[in-house]
Amino acid sequence: MLVFYEERLALLSVPKTGSTAYQTALRDHADIVIAGPTDLKHANMRRYDRFFQTMFRKLFDTEMEVMVVVREPIDWLGSWYRYRTRPELADHPHSTQKLSFESFVIAHMQKSPPAYADVGCQSDFLLPRSNGAGVSHVYKYEDQSKILDFLQNRLNCDIHLPQENVSPRLELELSKETEQQFRSLNAAEFALHQSAE
């Protein structure tokens, strides 16, 4: 998570949407940098509002606009799957090394997914508290130029993105049946992505 106080902007880090690269590129421009622990680096809208936005309201009588990046839902799951095939996760409950992408997606769709497929969903990340404001700016991961334009204009700086936290390259194949089931169960995820700038 990055907060730019003068520009009244908070950039929340939805996992697997390039947030580490943006954090590396922008940390010197930010007033607040939360790089860890993971639960704070990837604080969702509810957690951000409860702790950070409340602080800005109470101490400074102001609020930050909140920006997030979301990814096409199947591609997002693919990034999780590839990330969890890393050798250092071998024999860990989160490892997907011995699984096909198809098996991973089927497991993810279970009511109580196993640890390796329990990655939540992007739309839940954006949910506000019952008395809180929502996200101000939602951008598509696939349109990096639009994200960069917004941030460079808002922060009045040039941004050079490094490659960070890159997952291994793997084929991601789904049967038509599994893809249709996933799309049906996750219509809100696809609607969120479609509605993003």
C-alpha atoms as a PDB file:
ATOM      1  CA  MET A   1       0.000   0.000   0.000  1.00  0.00           C
ATOM      2  CA  LEU A   2       1.187   3.487  -0.858  1.00  0.00           C
ATOM      3  CA  VAL A   3      -0.270   6.773   0.385  1.00  0.00           C
ATOM      4  CA  PHE A   4       0.477  10.109  -1.283  1.00  0.00           C
ATOM      5  CA  TYR A   5      -0.769  12.656   1.223  1.00  0.00           C
ATOM      6  CA  GLU A   6      -0.425  15.900  -0.767  1.00  0.00           C
ATOM      7  CA  GLU A   7      -2.088  14.308  -3.789  1.00  0.00           C
ATOM      8  CA  ARG A   8      -4.815  12.787  -1.544  1.00  0.00           C
ATOM      9  CA  LEU A   9      -4.353   9.334  -3.092  1.00  0.00           C
ATOM     10  CA  ALA A  10      -3.948   5.844  -1.661  1.00  0.00           C
ATOM     11  CA  LEU A  11      -2.894   2.978  -3.924  1.00  0.00           C
ATOM     12  CA  LEU A  12      -4.064  -0.318  -2.471  1.00  0.00           C
ATOM     13  CA  SER A  13      -2.228  -3.492  -3.455  1.00  0.00           C
ATOM     14  CA  VAL A  14      -4.610  -6.132  -4.784  1.00  0.00           C
ATOM     15  CA  PRO A  15      -2.466  -9.302  -4.823  1.00  0.00           C
ATOM     16  CA  LYS A  16      -1.216 -10.493  -8.236  1.00  0.00           C
ATOM     17  CA  THR A  17      -1.885  -7.192 -10.026  1.00  0.00           C
ATOM     18  CA  GLY A  18       1.646  -5.809 -10.314  1.00  0.00           C
ATOM     19  CA  SER A  19       1.547  -3.998  -6.991  1.00  0.00           C
ATOM     20  CA  THR A  20       5.151  -4.878  -6.063  1.00  0.00           C
ATOM     21  CA  ALA A  21       6.471  -3.193  -9.217  1.00  0.00           C
ATOM     22  CA  TYR A  22       4.440  -0.045  -8.520  1.00  0.00           C
ATOM     23  CA  GLN A  23       5.622  -0.046  -4.927  1.00  0.00           C
ATOM     24  CA  THR A  24       9.252  -0.237  -6.055  1.00  0.00           C
ATOM     25  CA  ALA A  25       8.775   2.513  -8.650  1.00  0.00           C
ATOM     26  CA  LEU A  26       6.833   4.895  -6.385  1.00  0.00           C
ATOM     27  CA  ARG A  27       8.075   4.316  -2.851  1.00  0.00           C
ATOM     28  CA  ASP A  28      10.304   7.420  -2.949  1.00  0.00           C
ATOM     29  CA  HIS A  29       7.302   9.591  -3.916  1.00  0.00           C
ATOM     30  CA  ALA A  30       4.962   8.198  -1.234  1.00  0.00           C
ATOM     31  CA  ASP A  31       4.422   9.580   2.250  1.00  0.00           C
ATOM     32  CA  ILE A  32       3.428   6.193   3.640  1.00  0.00           C
ATOM     33  CA  VAL A  33       4.801   2.885   2.323  1.00  0.00           C
ATOM     34  CA  ILE A  34       3.433  -0.353   3.736  1.00  0.00           C
ATOM     35  CA  ALA A  35       5.614  -3.135   2.322  1.00  0.00           C
ATOM     36  CA  GLY A  36       4.877  -5.686   5.026  1.00  0.00           C
ATOM     37  CA  PRO A  37       3.630  -7.664   6.740  1.00  0.00           C
ATOM     38  CA  THR A  38       1.515  -9.155   3.953  1.00  0.00           C
ATOM     39  CA  ASP A  39      -1.818  -8.471   5.684  1.00  0.00           C
ATOM     40  CA  LEU A  40      -0.984  -4.747   5.776  1.00  0.00           C
ATOM     41  CA  LYS A  41       0.770  -4.526   2.398  1.00  0.00           C
ATOM     42  CA  HIS A  42      -2.325  -6.084   0.848  1.00  0.00           C
ATOM     43  CA  ALA A  43      -4.855  -4.394   3.144  1.00  0.00           C
ATOM     44  CA  ASN A  44      -8.276  -4.521   1.524  1.00  0.00           C
ATOM     45  CA  MET A  45     -10.682  -1.588   1.332  1.00  0.00           C
ATOM     46  CA  ARG A  46     -12.362  -2.437   4.637  1.00  0.00           C
ATOM     47  CA  ARG A  47      -9.052  -2.640   6.521  1.00  0.00           C
ATOM     48  CA  TYR A  48      -7.718   0.502   4.822  1.00  0.00           C
ATOM     49  CA  ASP A  49     -10.880   2.429   5.709  1.00  0.00           C
ATOM     50  CA  ARG A  50     -10.975   1.197   9.293  1.00  0.00           C
ATOM     51  CA  PHE A  51      -7.395   2.094  10.148  1.00  0.00           C
ATOM     52  CA  PHE A  52      -5.902   4.509   7.623  1.00  0.00           C
ATOM     53  CA  GLN A  53      -8.861   6.487   6.271  1.00  0.00           C
ATOM     54  CA  THR A  54     -10.162   6.895   9.832  1.00  0.00           C
ATOM     55  CA  MET A  55      -6.795   8.332  10.848  1.00  0.00           C
ATOM     56  CA  PHE A  56      -6.853  10.853   7.988  1.00  0.00           C
ATOM     57  CA  ARG A  57     -10.404  11.887   8.897  1.00  0.00           C
ATOM     58  CA  LYS A  58      -9.714  12.289  12.607  1.00  0.00           C
ATOM     59  CA  LEU A  59      -6.269  13.877  12.478  1.00  0.00           C
ATOM     60  CA  PHE A  60      -6.422  15.912   9.278  1.00  0.00           C
ATOM     61  CA  ASP A  61     -10.139  16.238   8.464  1.00  0.00           C
ATOM     62  CA  THR A  62      -9.528  14.821   5.002  1.00  0.00           C
ATOM     63  CA  GLU A  63      -9.888  11.608   3.025  1.00  0.00           C
ATOM     64  CA  MET A  64      -7.729   9.981   0.396  1.00  0.00           C
ATOM     65  CA  GLU A  65      -9.141   8.884  -2.922  1.00  0.00           C
ATOM     66  CA  VAL A  66      -8.455   5.169  -3.265  1.00  0.00           C
ATOM     67  CA  MET A  67      -7.071   3.515  -6.389  1.00  0.00           C
ATOM     68  CA  VAL A  68      -6.819  -0.197  -7.170  1.00  0.00           C
ATOM     69  CA  VAL A  69      -5.849  -2.336 -10.136  1.00  0.00           C
ATOM     70  CA  VAL A  70      -7.844  -5.462 -11.011  1.00  0.00           C
ATOM     71  CA  ARG A  71      -7.024  -8.268 -13.397  1.00  0.00           C
ATOM     72  CA  GLU A  72      -9.127 -10.399 -15.737  1.00  0.00           C
ATOM     73  CA  PRO A  73     -10.400 -13.128 -13.361  1.00  0.00           C
ATOM     74  CA  ILE A  74      -9.070 -16.230 -15.129  1.00  0.00           C
ATOM     75  CA  ASP A  75      -5.723 -14.531 -15.755  1.00  0.00           C
ATOM     76  CA  TRP A  76      -5.664 -13.490 -12.069  1.00  0.00           C
ATOM     77  CA  LEU A  77      -6.163 -17.094 -10.976  1.00  0.00           C
ATOM     78  CA  GLY A  78      -3.513 -18.129 -13.496  1.00  0.00           C
ATOM     79  CA  SER A  79      -1.050 -15.773 -11.845  1.00  0.00           C
ATOM     80  CA  TRP A  80      -1.782 -17.287  -8.431  1.00  0.00           C
ATOM     81  CA  TYR A  81      -1.419 -20.795  -9.842  1.00  0.00           C
ATOM     82  CA  ARG A  82       1.920 -20.023 -11.526  1.00  0.00           C
ATOM     83  CA  TYR A  83       3.221 -18.155  -8.468  1.00  0.00           C
ATOM     84  CA  ARG A  84       2.511 -21.141  -6.259  1.00  0.00           C
ATOM     85  CA  THR A  85       4.464 -23.534  -8.516  1.00  0.00           C
ATOM     86  CA  ARG A  86       7.745 -21.960  -7.350  1.00  0.00           C
ATOM     87  CA  PRO A  87      10.333 -24.504  -6.137  1.00  0.00           C
ATOM     88  CA  GLU A  88      10.556 -22.878  -2.699  1.00  0.00           C
ATOM     89  CA  LEU A  89       6.928 -23.882  -2.063  1.00  0.00           C
ATOM     90  CA  ALA A  90       7.539 -27.578  -2.804  1.00  0.00           C
ATOM     91  CA  ASP A  91       5.738 -29.763  -0.243  1.00  0.00           C
ATOM     92  CA  HIS A  92       4.045 -26.679   1.259  1.00  0.00           C
ATOM     93  CA  PRO A  93       0.208 -26.708   1.570  1.00  0.00           C
ATOM     94  CA  HIS A  94       0.112 -23.703  -0.825  1.00  0.00           C
ATOM     95  CA  SER A  95       2.126 -25.450  -3.554  1.00  0.00           C
ATOM     96  CA  THR A  96       0.481 -26.070  -6.931  1.00  0.00           C
ATOM     97  CA  GLN A  97       3.501 -27.874  -8.420  1.00  0.00           C
ATOM     98  CA  LYS A  98       1.742 -31.210  -8.849  1.00  0.00           C
ATOM     99  CA  LEU A  99      -1.548 -29.777 -10.084  1.00  0.00           C
ATOM    100  CA  SER A 100      -2.929 -28.764 -13.443  1.00  0.00           C
ATOM    101  CA  PHE A 101      -4.480 -25.328 -13.793  1.00  0.00           C
ATOM    102  CA  GLU A 102      -7.806 -27.092 -14.347  1.00  0.00           C
ATOM    103  CA  SER A 103      -7.501 -28.846 -10.960  1.00  0.00           C
ATOM    104  CA  PHE A 104      -6.522 -25.577  -9.303  1.00  0.00           C
ATOM    105  CA  VAL A 105      -9.582 -23.730 -10.660  1.00  0.00           C
ATOM    106  CA  ILE A 106     -11.917 -26.595  -9.716  1.00  0.00           C
ATOM    107  CA  ALA A 107     -10.489 -26.548  -6.182  1.00  0.00           C
ATOM    108  CA  HIS A 108     -10.833 -22.754  -6.031  1.00  0.00           C
ATOM    109  CA  MET A 109     -14.554 -23.059  -6.814  1.00  0.00           C
ATOM    110  CA  GLN A 110     -15.204 -25.296  -3.793  1.00  0.00           C
ATOM    111  CA  LYS A 111     -17.171 -23.806  -0.916  1.00  0.00           C
ATOM    112  CA  SER A 112     -14.132 -24.333   1.340  1.00  0.00           C
ATOM    113  CA  PRO A 113     -11.123 -24.420  -0.994  1.00  0.00           C
ATOM    114  CA  PRO A 114      -7.938 -26.208   0.061  1.00  0.00           C
ATOM    115  CA  ALA A 115      -5.045 -23.971   1.138  1.00  0.00           C
ATOM    116  CA  TYR A 116      -3.374 -23.972  -2.289  1.00  0.00           C
ATOM    117  CA  ALA A 117      -6.538 -22.661  -3.978  1.00  0.00           C
ATOM    118  CA  ASP A 118      -7.829 -20.386  -1.209  1.00  0.00           C
ATOM    119  CA  VAL A 119      -6.939 -17.010  -2.741  1.00  0.00           C
ATOM    120  CA  GLY A 120     -10.194 -15.111  -2.230  1.00  0.00           C
ATOM    121  CA  CYS A 121     -11.496 -12.847  -4.963  1.00  0.00           C
ATOM    122  CA  GLN A 122     -10.868  -9.337  -6.195  1.00  0.00           C
ATOM    123  CA  SER A 123     -14.412  -8.065  -5.667  1.00  0.00           C
ATOM    124  CA  ASP A 124     -14.235  -8.908  -1.943  1.00  0.00           C
ATOM    125  CA  PHE A 125     -10.997  -6.899  -1.725  1.00  0.00           C
ATOM    126  CA  LEU A 126     -12.882  -3.784  -2.878  1.00  0.00           C
ATOM    127  CA  LEU A 127     -15.893  -4.083  -0.547  1.00  0.00           C
ATOM    128  CA  PRO A 128     -16.233  -1.033   1.724  1.00  0.00           C
ATOM    129  CA  ARG A 129     -17.275  -1.115   5.358  1.00  0.00           C
ATOM    130  CA  SER A 130     -20.980  -0.515   5.910  1.00  0.00           C
ATOM    131  CA  ASN A 131     -20.308   3.109   6.894  1.00  0.00           C
ATOM    132  CA  GLY A 132     -17.265   3.661   4.673  1.00  0.00           C
ATOM    133  CA  ALA A 133     -16.608   5.045   1.239  1.00  0.00           C
ATOM    134  CA  GLY A 134     -15.704   2.809  -1.662  1.00  0.00           C
ATOM    135  CA  VAL A 135     -12.832   2.736  -4.109  1.00  0.00           C
ATOM    136  CA  SER A 136     -12.494   5.906  -6.228  1.00  0.00           C
ATOM    137  CA  HIS A 137     -10.469   4.591  -9.184  1.00  0.00           C
ATOM    138  CA  VAL A 138     -10.413   1.036 -10.559  1.00  0.00           C
ATOM    139  CA  TYR A 139      -8.031   0.281 -13.437  1.00  0.00           C
ATOM    140  CA  LYS A 140      -7.519  -2.816 -15.557  1.00  0.00           C
ATOM    141  CA  TYR A 141      -4.158  -4.525 -15.083  1.00  0.00           C
ATOM    142  CA  GLU A 142      -4.094  -5.227 -18.817  1.00  0.00           C
ATOM    143  CA  ASP A 143      -4.016  -1.483 -19.642  1.00  0.00           C
ATOM    144  CA  GLN A 144      -0.741  -0.456 -18.014  1.00  0.00           C
ATOM    145  CA  SER A 145      -0.475   2.692 -20.122  1.00  0.00           C
ATOM    146  CA  LYS A 146      -3.738   4.004 -18.665  1.00  0.00           C
ATOM    147  CA  ILE A 147      -2.565   3.243 -15.119  1.00  0.00           C
ATOM    148  CA  LEU A 148       0.750   4.976 -15.761  1.00  0.00           C
ATOM    149  CA  ASP A 149      -0.941   8.019 -17.339  1.00  0.00           C
ATOM    150  CA  PHE A 150      -3.215   8.433 -14.327  1.00  0.00           C
ATOM    151  CA  LEU A 151      -0.414   8.070 -11.779  1.00  0.00           C
ATOM    152  CA  GLN A 152       2.107  10.219 -13.648  1.00  0.00           C
ATOM    153  CA  ASN A 153      -0.449  13.019 -14.018  1.00  0.00           C
ATOM    154  CA  ARG A 154      -1.711  12.732 -10.439  1.00  0.00           C
ATOM    155  CA  LEU A 155       1.751  12.482  -8.860  1.00  0.00           C
ATOM    156  CA  ASN A 156       3.491  14.769 -11.370  1.00  0.00           C
ATOM    157  CA  CYS A 157       6.400  12.387 -11.936  1.00  0.00           C
ATOM    158  CA  ASP A 158       7.769   9.951 -14.503  1.00  0.00           C
ATOM    159  CA  ILE A 159       7.341   6.298 -13.602  1.00  0.00           C
ATOM    160  CA  HIS A 160       9.656   3.528 -14.773  1.00  0.00           C
ATOM    161  CA  LEU A 161       8.247   0.139 -13.814  1.00  0.00           C
ATOM    162  CA  PRO A 162      10.685  -2.659 -12.992  1.00  0.00           C
ATOM    163  CA  GLN A 163       9.758  -6.310 -13.435  1.00  0.00           C
ATOM    164  CA  GLU A 164       9.084  -7.611  -9.950  1.00  0.00           C
ATOM    165  CA  ASN A 165       7.654 -10.799  -8.470  1.00  0.00           C
ATOM    166  CA  VAL A 166       7.224 -12.395 -11.913  1.00  0.00           C
ATOM    167  CA  SER A 167       5.564 -15.816 -11.861  1.00  0.00           C
ATOM    168  CA  PRO A 168       6.969 -18.717 -13.906  1.00  0.00           C
ATOM    169  CA  ARG A 169       5.581 -19.064 -17.446  1.00  0.00           C
ATOM    170  CA  LEU A 170       3.188 -22.016 -17.790  1.00  0.00           C
ATOM    171  CA  GLU A 171       0.372 -23.030 -20.076  1.00  0.00           C
ATOM    172  CA  LEU A 172      -3.012 -22.310 -18.526  1.00  0.00           C
ATOM    173  CA  GLU A 173      -5.609 -24.597 -20.050  1.00  0.00           C
ATOM    174  CA  LEU A 174      -9.196 -24.946 -18.917  1.00  0.00           C
ATOM    175  CA  SER A 175     -11.909 -27.178 -20.316  1.00  0.00           C
ATOM    176  CA  LYS A 176     -14.942 -25.352 -21.673  1.00  0.00           C
ATOM    177  CA  GLU A 177     -17.057 -26.870 -18.914  1.00  0.00           C
ATOM    178  CA  THR A 178     -14.792 -25.643 -16.127  1.00  0.00           C
ATOM    179  CA  GLU A 179     -14.468 -22.191 -17.668  1.00  0.00           C
ATOM    180  CA  GLN A 180     -18.253 -21.891 -18.048  1.00  0.00           C
ATOM    181  CA  GLN A 181     -18.763 -22.987 -14.445  1.00  0.00           C
ATOM    182  CA  PHE A 182     -16.158 -20.513 -13.220  1.00  0.00           C
ATOM    183  CA  ARG A 183     -17.715 -17.671 -15.233  1.00  0.00           C
ATOM    184  CA  SER A 184     -21.164 -18.531 -13.915  1.00  0.00           C
ATOM    185  CA  LEU A 185     -20.050 -18.695 -10.273  1.00  0.00           C
ATOM    186  CA  ASN A 186     -17.936 -15.553 -10.556  1.00  0.00           C
ATOM    187  CA  ALA A 187     -20.104 -13.189 -12.586  1.00  0.00           C
ATOM    188  CA  ALA A 188     -19.336 -10.370 -10.106  1.00  0.00           C
ATOM    189  CA  GLU A 189     -15.601 -10.757 -10.775  1.00  0.00           C
ATOM    190  CA  PHE A 190     -16.070 -10.406 -14.515  1.00  0.00           C
ATOM    191  CA  ALA A 191     -18.459  -7.469 -14.045  1.00  0.00           C
ATOM    192  CA  LEU A 192     -15.900  -5.712 -11.835  1.00  0.00           C
ATOM    193  CA  HIS A 193     -13.160  -6.170 -14.407  1.00  0.00           C
ATOM    194  CA  GLN A 194     -15.439  -5.027 -17.229  1.00  0.00           C
ATOM    195  CA  SER A 195     -16.427  -1.881 -15.320  1.00  0.00           C
ATOM    196  CA  ALA A 196     -12.813  -0.862 -14.591  1.00  0.00           C
ATOM    197  CA  GLU A 197     -11.257   2.044 -16.505  1.00  0.00           C
END
